[in-house]
Amino acid sequence: MNINIIAEGVEKEEQKEFLMENGCMHMQGYIYAKPMMASKMEEMLKIKCHNTIE
């Protein structure tokens, strides 16, 4: 079908591994982060981008 899929609700490492083994590379869920305020997300992204540059 050649479509992009984003798996939602990934909470466990086993789920992540299953999805990756079956070609799904885009996912979201508690395994990465719990819901947060936009300001907290901005802060987290700034830290991540800063650490990537170094």
Protein backbone atom coordinates (compact mmCIF):
# COMPACT_ATOMS: atom_id res chain seq x y z
CA MET A 1 0.00 0.00 0.00
CA ASN A 2 3.00 2.28 0.53
CA ILE A 3 1.39 4.48 3.23
CA ASN A 4 2.85 6.18 6.27
CA ILE A 5 1.44 5.08 9.63
CA ILE A 6 1.75 6.68 13.06
CA ALA A 7 0.99 4.23 15.85
CA GLU A 8 -0.71 5.82 18.85
CA GLY A 9 -0.81 4.61 22.45
CA VAL A 10 2.57 2.87 22.57
CA GLU A 11 3.29 2.24 26.25
CA LYS A 12 5.66 -0.74 26.41
CA GLU A 13 9.00 -1.62 24.87
CA GLU A 14 7.47 -4.84 23.48
CA GLN A 15 4.88 -2.81 21.56
CA LYS A 16 7.58 -0.53 20.17
CA GLU A 17 9.71 -3.49 19.08
CA PHE A 18 6.72 -5.21 17.43
CA LEU A 19 5.84 -2.08 15.49
CA MET A 20 9.41 -1.50 14.34
CA GLU A 21 9.81 -5.14 13.28
CA ASN A 22 6.69 -4.73 11.16
CA GLY A 23 7.83 -1.53 9.44
CA CYS A 24 6.17 1.14 11.58
CA MET A 25 8.84 3.71 12.45
CA HIS A 26 6.55 6.52 13.63
CA MET A 27 4.81 6.18 16.98
CA GLN A 28 3.68 8.12 20.01
CA GLY A 29 2.61 7.26 23.50
CA TYR A 30 3.59 7.11 27.15
CA ILE A 31 6.78 5.22 26.27
CA TYR A 32 8.12 8.59 25.06
CA ALA A 33 6.29 11.12 27.24
CA LYS A 34 3.09 11.68 29.17
CA PRO A 35 0.78 14.57 28.17
CA MET A 36 2.25 17.96 29.09
CA MET A 37 1.70 21.66 28.76
CA ALA A 38 2.97 23.29 25.56
CA SER A 39 5.53 25.32 27.53
CA LYS A 40 7.03 22.12 28.98
CA MET A 41 7.18 20.58 25.50
CA GLU A 42 8.99 23.63 24.14
CA GLU A 43 11.51 23.38 26.98
CA MET A 44 12.06 19.67 26.31
CA LEU A 45 12.58 20.28 22.58
CA LYS A 46 15.07 23.08 23.22
CA ILE A 47 17.12 20.78 25.47
CA LYS A 48 16.98 17.94 22.93
CA CYS A 49 18.00 20.21 20.04
CA HIS A 50 20.80 21.70 22.11
CA ASN A 51 22.14 18.24 23.03
CA THR A 52 21.95 17.15 19.38
CA ILE A 53 24.05 20.10 18.21
CA GLU A 54 26.88 19.52 20.68
